[in-house]
Amino acid sequence: LNKIDARIMRNVYSMQQLEIKMGPICALDYRAVILPLT
């Protein structure tokens, strides 16, 4: 479980970095991808 949690946290962190680079449009896209997984 801890390995999975670490992987999720790493993915969320990289998504946040993309959001900062790409802006609000990408933020909406990544939320649409992440929310069903949580």
PDB file of N, CA and C in Angstrom:
ATOM      1  N   LEU A   1       0.837  -1.201   0.000  1.00  0.00           N
ATOM      2  CA  LEU A   1       0.000   0.000   0.000  1.00  0.00           C
ATOM      3  C   LEU A   1       0.874   1.253   0.000  1.00  0.00           C
ATOM      4  N   ASN A   2       1.955   1.206   0.780  1.00  0.00           N
ATOM      5  CA  ASN A   2       2.839   2.365   0.846  1.00  0.00           C
ATOM      6  C   ASN A   2       3.492   2.653  -0.503  1.00  0.00           C
ATOM      7  N   LYS A   3       3.845   1.592  -1.227  1.00  0.00           N
ATOM      8  CA  LYS A   3       4.444   1.791  -2.545  1.00  0.00           C
ATOM      9  C   LYS A   3       3.446   2.458  -3.482  1.00  0.00           C
ATOM     10  N   ILE A   4       2.194   2.022  -3.414  1.00  0.00           N
ATOM     11  CA  ILE A   4       1.158   2.610  -4.263  1.00  0.00           C
ATOM     12  C   ILE A   4       0.955   4.073  -3.891  1.00  0.00           C
ATOM     13  N   ASP A   5       0.895   4.356  -2.589  1.00  0.00           N
ATOM     14  CA  ASP A   5       0.736   5.740  -2.137  1.00  0.00           C
ATOM     15  C   ASP A   5       1.869   6.615  -2.650  1.00  0.00           C
ATOM     16  N   ALA A   6       3.096   6.121  -2.549  1.00  0.00           N
ATOM     17  CA  ALA A   6       4.254   6.891  -3.000  1.00  0.00           C
ATOM     18  C   ALA A   6       4.156   7.172  -4.496  1.00  0.00           C
ATOM     19  N   ARG A   7       3.698   6.168  -5.251  1.00  0.00           N
ATOM     20  CA  ARG A   7       3.570   6.339  -6.693  1.00  0.00           C
ATOM     21  C   ARG A   7       2.516   7.395  -7.010  1.00  0.00           C
ATOM     22  N   ILE A   8       1.387   7.340  -6.296  1.00  0.00           N
ATOM     23  CA  ILE A   8       0.321   8.323  -6.509  1.00  0.00           C
ATOM     24  C   ILE A   8       0.830   9.724  -6.183  1.00  0.00           C
ATOM     25  N   MET A   9       1.522   9.864  -5.062  1.00  0.00           N
ATOM     26  CA  MET A   9       2.028  11.177  -4.670  1.00  0.00           C
ATOM     27  C   MET A   9       3.001  11.714  -5.713  1.00  0.00           C
ATOM     28  N   ARG A  10       3.843  10.832  -6.260  1.00  0.00           N
ATOM     29  CA  ARG A  10       4.795  11.250  -7.281  1.00  0.00           C
ATOM     30  C   ARG A  10       4.049  11.698  -8.534  1.00  0.00           C
ATOM     31  N   ASN A  11       3.015  10.946  -8.912  1.00  0.00           N
ATOM     32  CA  ASN A  11       2.220  11.322 -10.080  1.00  0.00           C
ATOM     33  C   ASN A  11       1.525  12.653  -9.868  1.00  0.00           C
ATOM     34  N   VAL A  12       0.937  12.846  -8.702  1.00  0.00           N
ATOM     35  CA  VAL A  12       0.253  14.108  -8.403  1.00  0.00           C
ATOM     36  C   VAL A  12       1.239  15.264  -8.446  1.00  0.00           C
ATOM     37  N   TYR A  13       2.443  15.050  -7.908  1.00  0.00           N
ATOM     38  CA  TYR A  13       3.457  16.105  -7.908  1.00  0.00           C
ATOM     39  C   TYR A  13       3.832  16.489  -9.335  1.00  0.00           C
ATOM     40  N   SER A  14       4.074  15.494 -10.198  1.00  0.00           N
ATOM     41  CA  SER A  14       4.449  15.798 -11.579  1.00  0.00           C
ATOM     42  C   SER A  14       3.293  16.447 -12.327  1.00  0.00           C
ATOM     43  N   MET A  15       2.062  16.032 -12.017  1.00  0.00           N
ATOM     44  CA  MET A  15       0.901  16.682 -12.625  1.00  0.00           C
ATOM     45  C   MET A  15       0.832  18.149 -12.219  1.00  0.00           C
ATOM     46  N   GLN A  16       1.122  18.430 -10.950  1.00  0.00           N
ATOM     47  CA  GLN A  16       1.099  19.816 -10.482  1.00  0.00           C
ATOM     48  C   GLN A  16       2.177  20.635 -11.186  1.00  0.00           C
ATOM     49  N   GLN A  17       3.331  20.039 -11.422  1.00  0.00           N
ATOM     50  CA  GLN A  17       4.385  20.737 -12.159  1.00  0.00           C
ATOM     51  C   GLN A  17       3.922  21.051 -13.574  1.00  0.00           C
ATOM     52  N   LEU A  18       3.245  20.082 -14.219  1.00  0.00           N
ATOM     53  CA  LEU A  18       2.697  20.322 -15.550  1.00  0.00           C
ATOM     54  C   LEU A  18       1.657  21.423 -15.521  1.00  0.00           C
ATOM     55  N   GLU A  19       0.818  21.425 -14.498  1.00  0.00           N
ATOM     56  CA  GLU A  19      -0.219  22.438 -14.381  1.00  0.00           C
ATOM     57  C   GLU A  19       0.403  23.825 -14.329  1.00  0.00           C
ATOM     58  N   ILE A  20       1.486  23.961 -13.578  1.00  0.00           N
ATOM     59  CA  ILE A  20       2.168  25.249 -13.463  1.00  0.00           C
ATOM     60  C   ILE A  20       2.725  25.660 -14.828  1.00  0.00           C
ATOM     61  N   LYS A  21       3.268  24.713 -15.573  1.00  0.00           N
ATOM     62  CA  LYS A  21       3.866  25.032 -16.870  1.00  0.00           C
ATOM     63  C   LYS A  21       2.802  25.299 -17.931  1.00  0.00           C
ATOM     64  N   MET A  22       1.745  24.476 -17.940  1.00  0.00           N
ATOM     65  CA  MET A  22       0.793  24.505 -19.044  1.00  0.00           C
ATOM     66  C   MET A  22      -0.363  25.462 -18.804  1.00  0.00           C
ATOM     67  N   GLY A  23      -0.666  25.728 -17.523  1.00  0.00           N
ATOM     68  CA  GLY A  23      -1.735  26.666 -17.219  1.00  0.00           C
ATOM     69  C   GLY A  23      -3.064  25.993 -16.952  1.00  0.00           C
ATOM     70  N   PRO A  24      -4.128  26.793 -16.821  1.00  0.00           N
ATOM     71  CA  PRO A  24      -5.433  26.320 -16.345  1.00  0.00           C
ATOM     72  C   PRO A  24      -6.095  25.276 -17.245  1.00  0.00           C
ATOM     73  N   ILE A  25      -5.870  25.333 -18.548  1.00  0.00           N
ATOM     74  CA  ILE A  25      -6.503  24.361 -19.451  1.00  0.00           C
ATOM     75  C   ILE A  25      -5.994  22.957 -19.125  1.00  0.00           C
ATOM     76  N   CYS A  26      -4.710  22.839 -18.947  1.00  0.00           N
ATOM     77  CA  CYS A  26      -4.118  21.549 -18.589  1.00  0.00           C
ATOM     78  C   CYS A  26      -4.592  21.112 -17.206  1.00  0.00           C
ATOM     79  N   ALA A  27      -4.782  22.066 -16.314  1.00  0.00           N
ATOM     80  CA  ALA A  27      -5.253  21.747 -14.966  1.00  0.00           C
ATOM     81  C   ALA A  27      -6.613  21.055 -15.035  1.00  0.00           C
ATOM     82  N   LEU A  28      -7.495  21.562 -15.870  1.00  0.00           N
ATOM     83  CA  LEU A  28      -8.808  20.935 -16.032  1.00  0.00           C
ATOM     84  C   LEU A  28      -8.654  19.522 -16.578  1.00  0.00           C
ATOM     85  N   ASP A  29      -7.766  19.353 -17.565  1.00  0.00           N
ATOM     86  CA  ASP A  29      -7.551  18.038 -18.161  1.00  0.00           C
ATOM     87  C   ASP A  29      -7.039  17.043 -17.120  1.00  0.00           C
ATOM     88  N   TYR A  30      -6.062  17.476 -16.313  1.00  0.00           N
ATOM     89  CA  TYR A  30      -5.475  16.510 -15.380  1.00  0.00           C
ATOM     90  C   TYR A  30      -6.453  16.191 -14.257  1.00  0.00           C
ATOM     91  N   ARG A  31      -7.289  17.158 -13.881  1.00  0.00           N
ATOM     92  CA  ARG A  31      -8.309  16.847 -12.877  1.00  0.00           C
ATOM     93  C   ARG A  31      -9.288  15.815 -13.427  1.00  0.00           C
ATOM     94  N   ALA A  32      -9.627  15.930 -14.688  1.00  0.00           N
ATOM     95  CA  ALA A  32     -10.551  14.979 -15.308  1.00  0.00           C
ATOM     96  C   ALA A  32      -9.942  13.572 -15.316  1.00  0.00           C
ATOM     97  N   VAL A  33      -8.615  13.493 -15.368  1.00  0.00           N
ATOM     98  CA  VAL A  33      -7.943  12.189 -15.348  1.00  0.00           C
ATOM     99  C   VAL A  33      -7.786  11.676 -13.918  1.00  0.00           C
ATOM    100  N   ILE A  34      -7.409  12.559 -12.997  1.00  0.00           N
ATOM    101  CA  ILE A  34      -7.083  12.136 -11.629  1.00  0.00           C
ATOM    102  C   ILE A  34      -8.325  11.794 -10.814  1.00  0.00           C
ATOM    103  N   LEU A  35      -9.372  12.608 -10.916  1.00  0.00           N
ATOM    104  CA  LEU A  35     -10.527  12.446 -10.034  1.00  0.00           C
ATOM    105  C   LEU A  35     -11.149  11.053 -10.089  1.00  0.00           C
ATOM    106  N   PRO A  36     -11.320  10.450 -11.273  1.00  0.00           N
ATOM    107  CA  PRO A  36     -11.892   9.094 -11.298  1.00  0.00           C
ATOM    108  C   PRO A  36     -10.996   8.058 -10.601  1.00  0.00           C
ATOM    109  N   LEU A  37      -9.706   8.326 -10.509  1.00  0.00           N
ATOM    110  CA  LEU A  37      -8.785   7.364  -9.916  1.00  0.00           C
ATOM    111  C   LEU A  37      -8.806   7.409  -8.399  1.00  0.00           C
ATOM    112  N   THR A  38      -9.217   8.529  -7.813  1.00  0.00           N
ATOM    113  CA  THR A  38      -9.135   8.682  -6.362  1.00  0.00           C
ATOM    114  C   THR A  38     -10.375   8.128  -5.683  1.00  0.00           C
TER     115      THR A  38
END
